[in-house]
Amino acid sequence: MRQKVLQLSILSIALIPAGLFADDANQCAGLTAVGGGCDATGLPNNINTIIDTLFTVAGAVAVIILVVGGIRYITSTGDSQRIKAAKDTILYAIIGLVVVIVARAIVGFVAGSLAHT
């Protein structure tokens, strides 16, 4: 189990740079259309991209662990120790998903507050 989680983590970390090179042309066109400026190479934009990517990866990992816990629960064959371990996995995955959602909301609120000052 640990080896699979490690493999998924390494794969997720390997995919993070893909989001950093996304085309921002559509986002910039929308900003300039409403009178805003757009600097696609600016540090704040890169930081936001990195944060969004990290939250996406963390959410995806939590959902994958939730599915793994469900599969472990289904295949527990009535063994009380395996059922408890599967329920714990599901519980921790849900807690992790809630933490990711709340953390993203807090970061969005703080970033929005800083952008208006």
C-alpha atoms as a PDB file:
ATOM      1  CA  MET A   1       0.000   0.000   0.000  1.00  0.00           C
ATOM      2  CA  ARG A   2       2.755   2.434   0.931  1.00  0.00           C
ATOM      3  CA  GLN A   3       4.559   1.673  -2.303  1.00  0.00           C
ATOM      4  CA  LYS A   4       1.450   2.500  -4.360  1.00  0.00           C
ATOM      5  CA  VAL A   5       0.909   5.765  -2.481  1.00  0.00           C
ATOM      6  CA  LEU A   6       4.573   6.634  -3.028  1.00  0.00           C
ATOM      7  CA  GLN A   7       4.261   5.872  -6.745  1.00  0.00           C
ATOM      8  CA  LEU A   8       1.138   8.048  -7.016  1.00  0.00           C
ATOM      9  CA  SER A   9       2.877  10.859  -5.144  1.00  0.00           C
ATOM     10  CA  ILE A  10       5.908  10.726  -7.419  1.00  0.00           C
ATOM     11  CA  LEU A  11       3.665  10.692 -10.493  1.00  0.00           C
ATOM     12  CA  SER A  12       1.713  13.682  -9.162  1.00  0.00           C
ATOM     13  CA  ILE A  13       4.881  15.641  -8.468  1.00  0.00           C
ATOM     14  CA  ALA A  14       6.134  14.822 -11.958  1.00  0.00           C
ATOM     15  CA  LEU A  15       2.963  16.315 -13.461  1.00  0.00           C
ATOM     16  CA  ILE A  16       3.152  19.638 -11.555  1.00  0.00           C
ATOM     17  CA  PRO A  17       5.373  21.427 -14.134  1.00  0.00           C
ATOM     18  CA  ALA A  18       2.795  20.752 -16.874  1.00  0.00           C
ATOM     19  CA  GLY A  19       0.489  23.356 -15.346  1.00  0.00           C
ATOM     20  CA  LEU A  20       3.242  25.964 -15.238  1.00  0.00           C
ATOM     21  CA  PHE A  21       3.565  26.106 -19.014  1.00  0.00           C
ATOM     22  CA  ALA A  22      -0.137  26.465 -19.801  1.00  0.00           C
ATOM     23  CA  ASP A  23      -1.168  29.034 -22.388  1.00  0.00           C
ATOM     24  CA  ASP A  24      -2.458  32.150 -20.632  1.00  0.00           C
ATOM     25  CA  ALA A  25      -3.578  33.913 -23.827  1.00  0.00           C
ATOM     26  CA  ASN A  26      -7.296  33.471 -23.120  1.00  0.00           C
ATOM     27  CA  GLN A  27      -6.939  34.686 -19.536  1.00  0.00           C
ATOM     28  CA  CYS A  28      -4.976  37.756 -20.643  1.00  0.00           C
ATOM     29  CA  ALA A  29      -7.513  38.605 -23.364  1.00  0.00           C
ATOM     30  CA  GLY A  30     -10.308  38.549 -20.793  1.00  0.00           C
ATOM     31  CA  LEU A  31      -8.392  40.772 -18.392  1.00  0.00           C
ATOM     32  CA  THR A  32      -7.489  43.373 -20.970  1.00  0.00           C
ATOM     33  CA  ALA A  33     -11.091  43.401 -22.277  1.00  0.00           C
ATOM     34  CA  VAL A  34     -12.348  44.648 -18.901  1.00  0.00           C
ATOM     35  CA  GLY A  35      -9.608  47.224 -18.493  1.00  0.00           C
ATOM     36  CA  GLY A  36      -7.153  45.139 -16.490  1.00  0.00           C
ATOM     37  CA  GLY A  37      -3.530  44.437 -17.170  1.00  0.00           C
ATOM     38  CA  CYS A  38      -1.949  41.065 -17.736  1.00  0.00           C
ATOM     39  CA  ASP A  39       1.650  40.097 -17.252  1.00  0.00           C
ATOM     40  CA  ALA A  40       1.844  36.368 -17.960  1.00  0.00           C
ATOM     41  CA  THR A  41       5.464  36.238 -16.847  1.00  0.00           C
ATOM     42  CA  GLY A  42       4.861  37.989 -13.536  1.00  0.00           C
ATOM     43  CA  LEU A  43       5.718  36.358 -10.248  1.00  0.00           C
ATOM     44  CA  PRO A  44       2.174  36.543  -8.791  1.00  0.00           C
ATOM     45  CA  ASN A  45       0.769  34.684 -11.780  1.00  0.00           C
ATOM     46  CA  ASN A  46       3.390  31.960 -11.443  1.00  0.00           C
ATOM     47  CA  ILE A  47       2.759  31.644  -7.712  1.00  0.00           C
ATOM     48  CA  ASN A  48      -0.995  31.347  -8.299  1.00  0.00           C
ATOM     49  CA  THR A  49      -0.376  28.670 -10.926  1.00  0.00           C
ATOM     50  CA  ILE A  50       1.813  26.704  -8.545  1.00  0.00           C
ATOM     51  CA  ILE A  51      -0.706  26.996  -5.692  1.00  0.00           C
ATOM     52  CA  ASP A  52      -3.599  25.949  -7.934  1.00  0.00           C
ATOM     53  CA  THR A  53      -1.603  22.978  -9.186  1.00  0.00           C
ATOM     54  CA  LEU A  54      -0.690  21.890  -5.667  1.00  0.00           C
ATOM     55  CA  PHE A  55      -4.315  22.081  -4.530  1.00  0.00           C
ATOM     56  CA  THR A  56      -5.440  20.129  -7.590  1.00  0.00           C
ATOM     57  CA  VAL A  57      -2.859  17.413  -6.945  1.00  0.00           C
ATOM     58  CA  ALA A  58      -3.723  17.246  -3.230  1.00  0.00           C
ATOM     59  CA  GLY A  59      -7.436  16.959  -4.026  1.00  0.00           C
ATOM     60  CA  ALA A  60      -6.795  14.259  -6.621  1.00  0.00           C
ATOM     61  CA  VAL A  61      -4.638  12.275  -4.191  1.00  0.00           C
ATOM     62  CA  ALA A  62      -7.363  12.511  -1.521  1.00  0.00           C
ATOM     63  CA  VAL A  63      -9.982  11.224  -3.963  1.00  0.00           C
ATOM     64  CA  ILE A  64      -7.697   8.375  -5.076  1.00  0.00           C
ATOM     65  CA  ILE A  65      -7.095   7.374  -1.448  1.00  0.00           C
ATOM     66  CA  LEU A  66     -10.860   7.518  -0.859  1.00  0.00           C
ATOM     67  CA  VAL A  67     -11.407   5.101  -3.752  1.00  0.00           C
ATOM     68  CA  VAL A  68      -8.635   2.835  -2.456  1.00  0.00           C
ATOM     69  CA  GLY A  69     -10.303   2.792   0.972  1.00  0.00           C
ATOM     70  CA  GLY A  70     -13.615   1.878  -0.649  1.00  0.00           C
ATOM     71  CA  ILE A  71     -12.001  -0.975  -2.546  1.00  0.00           C
ATOM     72  CA  ARG A  72     -10.318  -2.177   0.642  1.00  0.00           C
ATOM     73  CA  TYR A  73     -13.687  -2.058   2.410  1.00  0.00           C
ATOM     74  CA  ILE A  74     -15.389  -4.056  -0.323  1.00  0.00           C
ATOM     75  CA  THR A  75     -12.640  -6.687  -0.391  1.00  0.00           C
ATOM     76  CA  SER A  76     -12.317  -7.003   3.395  1.00  0.00           C
ATOM     77  CA  THR A  77     -14.257 -10.318   3.384  1.00  0.00           C
ATOM     78  CA  GLY A  78     -15.730  -9.674   6.819  1.00  0.00           C
ATOM     79  CA  ASP A  79     -12.400  -9.484   8.651  1.00  0.00           C
ATOM     80  CA  SER A  80     -12.913  -6.929  11.429  1.00  0.00           C
ATOM     81  CA  GLN A  81      -9.304  -5.662  11.327  1.00  0.00           C
ATOM     82  CA  ARG A  82      -9.442  -5.078   7.564  1.00  0.00           C
ATOM     83  CA  ILE A  83     -12.844  -3.383   7.849  1.00  0.00           C
ATOM     84  CA  LYS A  84     -11.513  -1.044  10.544  1.00  0.00           C
ATOM     85  CA  ALA A  85      -8.409  -0.237   8.479  1.00  0.00           C
ATOM     86  CA  ALA A  86     -10.564   0.470   5.408  1.00  0.00           C
ATOM     87  CA  LYS A  87     -12.939   2.702   7.393  1.00  0.00           C
ATOM     88  CA  ASP A  88      -9.967   4.593   8.823  1.00  0.00           C
ATOM     89  CA  THR A  89      -8.571   5.082   5.316  1.00  0.00           C
ATOM     90  CA  ILE A  90     -11.927   6.431   4.103  1.00  0.00           C
ATOM     91  CA  LEU A  91     -12.245   8.712   7.127  1.00  0.00           C
ATOM     92  CA  TYR A  92      -8.743  10.141   6.726  1.00  0.00           C
ATOM     93  CA  ALA A  93      -9.246  10.640   2.987  1.00  0.00           C
ATOM     94  CA  ILE A  94     -12.456  12.587   3.632  1.00  0.00           C
ATOM     95  CA  ILE A  95     -10.730  14.674   6.307  1.00  0.00           C
ATOM     96  CA  GLY A  96      -7.880  15.344   3.865  1.00  0.00           C
ATOM     97  CA  LEU A  97     -10.310  16.388   1.146  1.00  0.00           C
ATOM     98  CA  VAL A  98     -12.101  18.761   3.526  1.00  0.00           C
ATOM     99  CA  VAL A  99      -8.767  20.244   4.621  1.00  0.00           C
ATOM    100  CA  VAL A 100      -7.780  20.815   0.967  1.00  0.00           C
ATOM    101  CA  ILE A 101     -11.114  22.519   0.208  1.00  0.00           C
ATOM    102  CA  VAL A 102     -10.963  24.746   3.294  1.00  0.00           C
ATOM    103  CA  ALA A 103      -7.304  25.601   2.675  1.00  0.00           C
ATOM    104  CA  ARG A 104      -8.087  26.573  -0.921  1.00  0.00           C
ATOM    105  CA  ALA A 105     -10.935  28.810   0.265  1.00  0.00           C
ATOM    106  CA  ILE A 106      -8.664  30.496   2.819  1.00  0.00           C
ATOM    107  CA  VAL A 107      -5.896  31.039   0.269  1.00  0.00           C
ATOM    108  CA  GLY A 108      -8.414  32.439  -2.225  1.00  0.00           C
ATOM    109  CA  PHE A 109      -9.838  34.797   0.386  1.00  0.00           C
ATOM    110  CA  VAL A 110      -6.423  36.040   1.496  1.00  0.00           C
ATOM    111  CA  ALA A 111      -5.180  36.433  -2.080  1.00  0.00           C
ATOM    112  CA  GLY A 112      -8.344  38.315  -2.997  1.00  0.00           C
ATOM    113  CA  SER A 113      -7.969  40.590   0.008  1.00  0.00           C
ATOM    114  CA  LEU A 114      -4.358  41.335  -0.858  1.00  0.00           C
ATOM    115  CA  ALA A 115      -5.220  42.024  -4.499  1.00  0.00           C
ATOM    116  CA  HIS A 116      -7.736  44.743  -3.514  1.00  0.00           C
ATOM    117  CA  THR A 117      -5.314  46.633  -1.267  1.00  0.00           C
END
